[in-house]
Amino acid sequence: MKKEETTVLVLFHSKGGTTYKLATAIARGIEKQEGVRAVLKQVPHITLPDDLESKPFASVPYATPEELAQYDGIAFGSPIHFGSTTADMRLFLEGTLNLWSQHRLDGVPATVFMAAGGGAAREAAILSLWSTLSVHGMVLVPTGMRGAAGIDKSIAQGNTVFGTTALATMPGSERPSESELYLAELQGEALAKIAKALAPLHKTLTEPTPPAKTPEESINYVEQRLLELGLQLPVLPEPVGNYVPYTRSGNLVFINQVALKEGKVLHPGVIGQDLTIEQAKEATRQTMLNVLAVLKSATHGDLSRVKQVVQLTGFLNTPTGYTQHAGLMNVASDLTVAVFGEKGKHARAALGASSIPVNSPVEIQAVFEVE
């Protein structure tokens, strides 16, 4: 019987690249533990650096607050700003309110590493982040004296008993130093060991036994309807820029998608010129399926939590004078009603556009009300 893999997220915010280098060392240490996989992601930037494309972390995918609950352990990394994390990391953590209210991170091991500049307030900065993680009920994993005997003591190092730091602005050697990277690997190993041990307990704690349901309540009618319609939702499309697949405000979920299928645009171009009406309908259907795939992620895999499809707005790549937008958007509207029944009926708009990103023939904006 195949053992279930333990996954540990290494989540960082980096500007110059020092925190990123520590993050990769943490990830290497994590994967030294058999059966544990490291996932490297960054928090979105509040303001994109002008030279972002030249940074080594430019292609690292962005995380969303909601996805934190799916990992068995998390390492948090940030530069130090005034004795705390950067505003970018702080803003990201502000988005974990729903996870806190649902106790989704209770018992999840966490550790902290930071780029410390000259070293001022590095321990205070780590402890400031520990405070947030403690409120979530996370199990804090410090470094202690791990690795202290093996570091180069001829230069200043960023070791602390709470977590590894890199003295990024200290003269005399490249930073992170070899010793700081060595300490980061050991920190990753320690987190992985604890995450692997606690993973079964964490899953039990975060998945409380629901109250007994009647036979009718135990049926997920949306999933059943998808099966009846022969629909299989695609793999969740990954963002290709500084944005997230969806946002949630209160009980409303906002989603934008284009006609991607298996990583490529389905029937690219202008409707009526580069593709037929039937191909345009196929692309519209694919776009709506992509929306539903993202919606399933937003509802933690349970589409029965959708209370109402509120609004669909279709943008169609059409030539001047085209008038059949409504007929194409009917494909998306019919699909939502087929899947959600009366809850699928919605307000709608359909607009022509002279071009759409990635040359997609269709883009759909959708708003849903969820539990």
Protein backbone atom coordinates (compact mmCIF):
# COMPACT_ATOMS: atom_id res chain seq x y z
CA MET A 1 0.00 0.00 0.00
CA LYS A 2 1.42 3.37 -1.07
CA LYS A 3 2.01 5.80 1.81
CA GLU A 4 0.39 9.21 1.56
CA GLU A 5 2.93 11.93 0.77
CA THR A 6 3.60 14.69 3.28
CA THR A 7 3.75 18.14 1.70
CA VAL A 8 5.39 21.18 3.29
CA LEU A 9 4.98 24.69 1.90
CA VAL A 10 7.93 27.09 1.85
CA LEU A 11 6.23 30.49 1.60
CA PHE A 12 8.38 33.58 1.18
CA HIS A 13 8.47 37.23 0.20
CA SER A 14 11.72 38.43 -1.32
CA LYS A 15 12.93 41.69 -2.84
CA GLY A 16 16.62 41.33 -3.58
CA GLY A 17 16.74 37.54 -3.49
CA THR A 18 18.25 36.83 -0.05
CA THR A 19 15.03 35.42 1.43
CA TYR A 20 14.51 33.38 -1.73
CA LYS A 21 17.95 31.78 -1.36
CA LEU A 22 17.15 30.86 2.23
CA ALA A 23 13.80 29.45 1.05
CA THR A 24 15.48 27.15 -1.45
CA ALA A 25 17.83 25.90 1.27
CA ILE A 26 14.86 25.26 3.58
CA ALA A 27 13.22 23.31 0.72
CA ARG A 28 16.34 21.21 0.20
CA GLY A 29 16.37 20.33 3.88
CA ILE A 30 12.68 19.39 3.79
CA GLU A 31 13.19 16.96 0.94
CA LYS A 32 16.02 15.18 2.77
CA GLN A 33 13.25 13.62 4.88
CA GLU A 34 11.95 10.53 3.09
CA GLY A 35 8.34 10.82 1.96
CA VAL A 36 8.19 14.61 2.34
CA ARG A 37 7.85 16.99 -0.61
CA ALA A 38 8.60 20.73 -0.50
CA VAL A 39 6.39 23.21 -2.39
CA LEU A 40 8.00 26.61 -3.00
CA LYS A 41 5.66 29.60 -3.42
CA GLN A 42 5.80 33.35 -2.85
CA VAL A 43 3.28 35.86 -1.55
CA PRO A 44 1.98 38.42 -4.08
CA HIS A 45 3.81 41.74 -4.23
CA ILE A 46 1.86 44.83 -3.20
CA THR A 47 3.94 46.80 -5.71
CA LEU A 48 5.73 44.89 -8.44
CA PRO A 49 9.48 45.65 -8.55
CA ASP A 50 10.53 47.27 -11.84
CA ASP A 51 13.20 44.60 -12.32
CA LEU A 52 11.08 41.61 -11.21
CA GLU A 53 11.70 39.66 -14.42
CA SER A 54 15.43 39.68 -13.72
CA LYS A 55 15.02 38.21 -10.24
CA PRO A 56 15.69 34.48 -9.73
CA PHE A 57 12.30 34.06 -8.06
CA ALA A 58 10.29 35.74 -10.84
CA SER A 59 8.81 32.43 -12.05
CA VAL A 60 7.96 31.06 -8.59
CA PRO A 61 4.15 30.74 -8.40
CA TYR A 62 2.11 32.89 -6.03
CA ALA A 63 0.22 31.35 -3.12
CA THR A 64 -3.30 32.13 -1.93
CA PRO A 65 -4.23 32.30 1.78
CA GLU A 66 -6.91 29.62 1.32
CA GLU A 67 -4.44 27.00 0.13
CA LEU A 68 -2.38 27.03 3.36
CA ALA A 69 -4.76 24.51 4.94
CA GLN A 70 -3.81 21.82 2.43
CA TYR A 71 -0.19 21.53 3.64
CA ASP A 72 1.20 19.40 6.47
CA GLY A 73 3.72 22.07 7.48
CA ILE A 74 4.66 25.62 6.47
CA ALA A 75 7.92 27.59 6.55
CA PHE A 76 7.41 31.37 6.44
CA GLY A 77 10.19 33.65 5.15
CA SER A 78 10.40 37.44 4.83
CA PRO A 79 12.83 40.31 4.95
CA ILE A 80 12.73 42.24 8.22
CA HIS A 81 11.01 45.64 8.20
CA PHE A 82 11.09 47.64 11.42
CA GLY A 83 11.27 44.58 13.65
CA SER A 84 8.54 42.68 11.80
CA THR A 85 7.74 41.18 8.41
CA THR A 86 7.28 43.11 5.18
CA ALA A 87 3.89 44.65 4.45
CA ASP A 88 3.49 42.11 1.63
CA MET A 89 3.72 39.15 4.02
CA ARG A 90 1.54 40.92 6.57
CA LEU A 91 -1.16 41.62 3.98
CA PHE A 92 -1.09 37.97 2.93
CA LEU A 93 -1.53 36.82 6.52
CA GLU A 94 -4.43 39.24 6.94
CA GLY A 95 -6.18 37.11 4.33
CA THR A 96 -6.12 34.02 6.57
CA LEU A 97 -9.05 35.15 8.72
CA ASN A 98 -11.35 32.45 7.34
CA LEU A 99 -8.73 29.79 8.09
CA TRP A 100 -8.48 31.07 11.67
CA SER A 101 -12.27 31.11 12.19
CA GLN A 102 -12.48 27.51 10.95
CA HIS A 103 -9.36 26.33 12.89
CA ARG A 104 -7.90 25.07 9.62
CA LEU A 105 -4.27 25.55 10.72
CA ASP A 106 -4.61 24.08 14.21
CA GLY A 107 -1.73 21.70 14.88
CA VAL A 108 0.15 22.45 11.65
CA PRO A 109 3.93 22.73 12.25
CA ALA A 110 5.44 26.09 11.25
CA THR A 111 8.87 27.64 11.25
CA VAL A 112 10.20 31.11 10.38
CA PHE A 113 13.31 32.36 8.56
CA MET A 114 14.22 35.93 7.61
CA ALA A 115 16.63 38.18 5.74
CA ALA A 116 17.94 40.39 8.51
CA GLY A 117 19.98 43.16 6.88
CA GLY A 118 22.56 44.09 9.48
CA GLY A 119 20.92 41.87 12.07
CA ALA A 120 19.05 44.47 14.12
CA ALA A 121 15.83 43.18 15.73
CA ARG A 122 16.02 39.84 13.93
CA GLU A 123 14.84 37.84 16.93
CA ALA A 124 12.03 40.32 17.62
CA ALA A 125 10.94 40.04 13.99
CA ILE A 126 10.76 36.24 14.14
CA LEU A 127 8.79 36.42 17.38
CA SER A 128 6.36 38.92 15.85
CA LEU A 129 5.50 36.37 13.19
CA TRP A 130 5.35 33.64 15.82
CA SER A 131 2.58 35.63 17.52
CA THR A 132 0.40 35.41 14.40
CA LEU A 133 1.10 31.72 13.92
CA SER A 134 0.33 31.05 17.59
CA VAL A 135 -3.10 32.64 17.21
CA HIS A 136 -3.73 30.09 14.44
CA GLY A 137 -2.79 27.29 16.85
CA MET A 138 0.21 26.24 14.79
CA VAL A 139 3.02 24.15 16.28
CA LEU A 140 6.13 26.37 16.29
CA VAL A 141 9.41 24.70 15.30
CA PRO A 142 12.49 26.67 16.46
CA THR A 143 16.07 25.97 15.44
CA GLY A 144 17.46 25.86 18.98
CA MET A 145 21.22 25.31 18.91
CA ARG A 146 20.95 23.05 15.88
CA GLY A 147 24.06 23.38 13.68
CA ALA A 148 25.75 26.05 15.83
CA ALA A 149 28.88 23.94 16.32
CA GLY A 150 29.42 23.54 12.57
CA ILE A 151 29.23 27.14 11.36
CA ASP A 152 32.09 29.44 10.36
CA LYS A 153 32.75 31.58 13.42
CA SER A 154 35.29 33.83 11.73
CA ILE A 155 32.47 36.04 10.41
CA ALA A 156 29.13 37.13 11.84
CA GLN A 157 26.30 34.64 11.15
CA GLY A 158 22.54 35.00 11.32
CA ASN A 159 21.83 32.04 13.57
CA THR A 160 19.23 32.46 16.34
CA VAL A 161 17.51 29.92 18.55
CA PHE A 162 14.16 30.87 16.96
CA GLY A 163 14.99 30.57 13.27
CA THR A 164 17.65 31.13 10.64
CA THR A 165 18.36 34.63 9.39
CA ALA A 166 20.78 35.97 6.79
CA LEU A 167 22.79 39.09 7.60
CA ALA A 168 22.23 40.44 4.11
CA THR A 169 24.10 43.74 4.45
CA MET A 170 27.08 42.55 6.49
CA PRO A 171 30.41 43.09 4.67
CA GLY A 172 33.03 40.44 4.19
CA SER A 173 31.19 37.59 2.47
CA GLU A 174 28.37 36.78 0.10
CA ARG A 175 24.97 36.45 1.78
CA PRO A 176 23.37 34.19 2.67
CA SER A 177 26.68 32.73 3.78
CA GLU A 178 27.42 29.04 3.41
CA SER A 179 26.83 28.67 7.15
CA GLU A 180 23.45 30.44 6.97
CA LEU A 181 22.37 28.17 4.09
CA TYR A 182 23.57 25.16 6.09
CA LEU A 183 21.46 26.27 9.07
CA ALA A 184 18.45 26.80 6.80
CA GLU A 185 18.75 23.24 5.49
CA LEU A 186 18.84 21.90 9.03
CA GLN A 187 15.77 24.00 9.86
CA GLY A 188 13.95 22.51 6.86
CA GLU A 189 14.90 18.99 7.95
CA ALA A 190 13.54 19.63 11.45
CA LEU A 191 10.25 20.99 10.11
CA ALA A 192 9.85 18.06 7.72
CA LYS A 193 10.44 15.51 10.45
CA ILE A 194 7.77 17.03 12.69
CA ALA A 195 5.34 17.61 9.81
CA LYS A 196 5.59 13.97 8.78
CA ALA A 197 5.00 12.78 12.32
CA LEU A 198 2.05 15.08 12.98
CA ALA A 199 0.37 14.86 9.55
CA PRO A 200 -2.09 12.08 10.50
CA LEU A 201 -3.05 13.90 13.72
CA HIS A 202 -3.43 17.22 11.91
CA LYS A 203 -5.83 15.69 9.39
CA THR A 204 -7.90 14.28 12.25
CA LEU A 205 -8.00 17.59 14.13
CA THR A 206 -8.97 19.67 11.10
CA GLU A 207 -11.63 17.31 9.82
CA PRO A 208 -14.17 17.10 12.65
CA THR A 209 -16.94 14.55 12.33
CA PRO A 210 -19.94 16.33 10.83
CA PRO A 211 -23.40 15.90 12.36
CA ALA A 212 -25.40 12.97 11.09
CA LYS A 213 -27.24 13.66 7.85
CA THR A 214 -30.43 12.25 6.47
CA PRO A 215 -30.01 10.05 3.36
CA GLU A 216 -31.16 12.98 1.24
CA GLU A 217 -28.65 15.38 2.84
CA SER A 218 -25.77 12.96 2.37
CA ILE A 219 -26.04 13.22 -1.41
CA ASN A 220 -23.97 15.94 -3.05
CA TYR A 221 -26.41 16.83 -5.79
CA VAL A 222 -23.98 19.07 -7.66
CA GLU A 223 -21.36 16.33 -7.96
CA GLN A 224 -24.11 13.87 -8.89
CA ARG A 225 -25.34 16.27 -11.56
CA LEU A 226 -21.83 16.64 -12.99
CA LEU A 227 -21.63 12.87 -13.31
CA GLU A 228 -25.03 12.69 -14.96
CA LEU A 229 -24.00 15.36 -17.47
CA GLY A 230 -20.72 13.54 -18.18
CA LEU A 231 -18.73 16.60 -17.11
CA GLN A 232 -15.22 16.41 -15.68
CA LEU A 233 -13.83 19.68 -14.38
CA PRO A 234 -10.37 20.55 -15.75
CA VAL A 235 -7.21 20.90 -13.71
CA LEU A 236 -7.23 24.21 -11.84
CA PRO A 237 -5.66 26.83 -14.16
CA GLU A 238 -2.53 28.42 -12.65
CA PRO A 239 -2.22 32.24 -12.59
CA VAL A 240 0.35 33.61 -15.05
CA GLY A 241 0.81 36.98 -13.35
CA ASN A 242 0.56 38.84 -10.08
CA TYR A 243 -3.00 37.81 -9.29
CA VAL A 244 -4.92 34.89 -7.77
CA PRO A 245 -7.46 32.48 -9.35
CA TYR A 246 -10.27 33.96 -7.26
CA THR A 247 -10.98 36.39 -4.46
CA ARG A 248 -13.62 36.17 -1.78
CA SER A 249 -15.32 39.13 -0.10
CA GLY A 250 -17.82 38.08 2.53
CA ASN A 251 -19.93 35.37 0.91
CA LEU A 252 -19.15 36.46 -2.66
CA VAL A 253 -16.52 34.75 -4.84
CA PHE A 254 -15.14 36.55 -7.92
CA ILE A 255 -13.56 34.58 -10.79
CA ASN A 256 -12.16 35.43 -14.26
CA GLN A 257 -11.18 32.77 -16.81
CA VAL A 258 -10.35 32.41 -20.51
CA ALA A 259 -10.60 29.43 -22.88
CA LEU A 260 -7.53 27.49 -21.73
CA LYS A 261 -7.52 23.72 -22.19
CA GLU A 262 -4.53 21.65 -21.11
CA GLY A 263 -2.36 24.77 -21.01
CA LYS A 264 -3.28 26.06 -24.47
CA VAL A 265 -5.96 28.42 -25.77
CA LEU A 266 -8.82 26.49 -27.34
CA HIS A 267 -9.66 27.88 -30.81
CA PRO A 268 -7.74 31.17 -30.52
CA GLY A 269 -8.62 34.25 -32.54
CA VAL A 270 -11.56 36.33 -33.67
CA ILE A 271 -14.98 34.70 -33.75
CA GLY A 272 -16.37 34.52 -37.28
CA GLN A 273 -12.95 35.07 -38.83
CA ASP A 274 -10.45 32.68 -37.23
CA LEU A 275 -13.00 30.26 -35.79
CA THR A 276 -16.54 29.14 -36.49
CA ILE A 277 -19.61 29.74 -34.33
CA GLU A 278 -19.51 26.09 -33.20
CA GLN A 279 -15.86 26.44 -32.21
CA ALA A 280 -16.74 29.64 -30.33
CA LYS A 281 -19.46 27.76 -28.42
CA GLU A 282 -16.96 25.04 -27.57
CA ALA A 283 -14.51 27.67 -26.29
CA THR A 284 -17.27 29.31 -24.22
CA ARG A 285 -18.14 25.97 -22.66
CA GLN A 286 -14.46 25.32 -21.84
CA THR A 287 -14.14 28.77 -20.27
CA MET A 288 -17.15 28.12 -18.04
CA LEU A 289 -15.74 24.74 -17.03
CA ASN A 290 -12.53 26.54 -16.01
CA VAL A 291 -14.63 28.93 -13.91
CA LEU A 292 -16.30 25.97 -12.18
CA ALA A 293 -12.92 24.34 -11.52
CA VAL A 294 -11.75 27.50 -9.73
CA LEU A 295 -15.07 27.72 -7.90
CA LYS A 296 -14.60 24.17 -6.61
CA SER A 297 -11.24 25.23 -5.14
CA ALA A 298 -12.87 28.30 -3.57
CA THR A 299 -15.48 26.07 -1.87
CA HIS A 300 -12.80 23.64 -0.60
CA GLY A 301 -13.95 20.97 -3.05
CA ASP A 302 -17.66 21.17 -2.20
CA LEU A 303 -19.73 22.83 -4.93
CA SER A 304 -22.88 22.18 -2.92
CA ARG A 305 -21.84 25.24 -0.87
CA VAL A 306 -22.83 27.47 -3.80
CA LYS A 307 -26.00 29.34 -2.84
CA GLN A 308 -26.44 31.33 -6.04
CA VAL A 309 -24.79 32.06 -9.37
CA VAL A 310 -25.08 35.85 -9.15
CA GLN A 311 -23.63 37.28 -12.37
CA LEU A 312 -21.91 36.14 -15.56
CA THR A 313 -20.21 38.66 -17.86
CA GLY A 314 -18.90 37.39 -21.18
CA PHE A 315 -16.28 39.17 -23.26
CA LEU A 316 -16.22 37.80 -26.83
CA ASN A 317 -13.45 38.43 -29.35
CA THR A 318 -15.62 39.57 -32.26
CA PRO A 319 -15.31 41.78 -35.35
CA THR A 320 -17.05 45.14 -35.68
CA GLY A 321 -20.76 44.72 -36.36
CA TYR A 322 -21.10 41.27 -34.76
CA THR A 323 -24.46 40.83 -32.99
CA GLN A 324 -24.69 37.19 -31.87
CA HIS A 325 -23.00 37.58 -28.47
CA ALA A 326 -26.06 36.47 -26.52
CA GLY A 327 -26.30 33.17 -28.38
CA LEU A 328 -22.70 32.32 -27.52
CA MET A 329 -23.11 33.24 -23.84
CA ASN A 330 -26.20 31.01 -23.66
CA VAL A 331 -23.74 28.11 -23.63
CA ALA A 332 -22.29 29.29 -20.31
CA SER A 333 -25.70 30.19 -18.87
CA ASP A 334 -27.21 26.83 -19.83
CA LEU A 335 -24.26 25.03 -18.25
CA THR A 336 -24.65 26.78 -14.87
CA VAL A 337 -28.38 26.06 -14.78
CA ALA A 338 -27.77 22.43 -15.75
CA VAL A 339 -25.26 22.04 -12.90
CA PHE A 340 -26.87 24.13 -10.15
CA GLY A 341 -30.57 24.10 -11.09
CA GLU A 342 -32.52 27.13 -9.87
CA LYS A 343 -29.41 28.37 -8.05
CA GLY A 344 -27.71 28.60 -11.43
CA LYS A 345 -30.02 31.31 -12.79
CA HIS A 346 -28.19 34.61 -12.87
CA ALA A 347 -27.93 38.15 -14.18
CA ARG A 348 -25.81 38.40 -17.33
CA ALA A 349 -23.99 40.68 -19.72
CA ALA A 350 -22.32 39.83 -23.05
CA LEU A 351 -19.90 42.27 -24.71
CA GLY A 352 -17.82 42.34 -27.86
CA ALA A 353 -14.09 43.04 -27.58
CA SER A 354 -11.48 43.84 -30.23
CA SER A 355 -8.97 41.59 -28.47
CA ILE A 356 -8.71 39.37 -25.38
CA PRO A 357 -5.54 38.32 -23.47
CA VAL A 358 -3.61 35.34 -24.92
CA ASN A 359 -5.80 35.63 -28.05
CA SER A 360 -8.61 33.73 -26.33
CA PRO A 361 -11.95 33.98 -28.14
CA VAL A 362 -13.80 34.23 -24.82
CA GLU A 363 -13.30 35.56 -21.30
CA ILE A 364 -15.89 35.12 -18.56
CA GLN A 365 -16.18 37.06 -15.31
CA ALA A 366 -18.35 35.30 -12.73
CA VAL A 367 -19.71 36.15 -9.29
CA PHE A 368 -21.05 33.46 -6.94
CA GLU A 369 -22.62 33.54 -3.49
CA VAL A 370 -21.36 30.71 -1.29
CA GLU A 371 -21.91 29.46 2.24
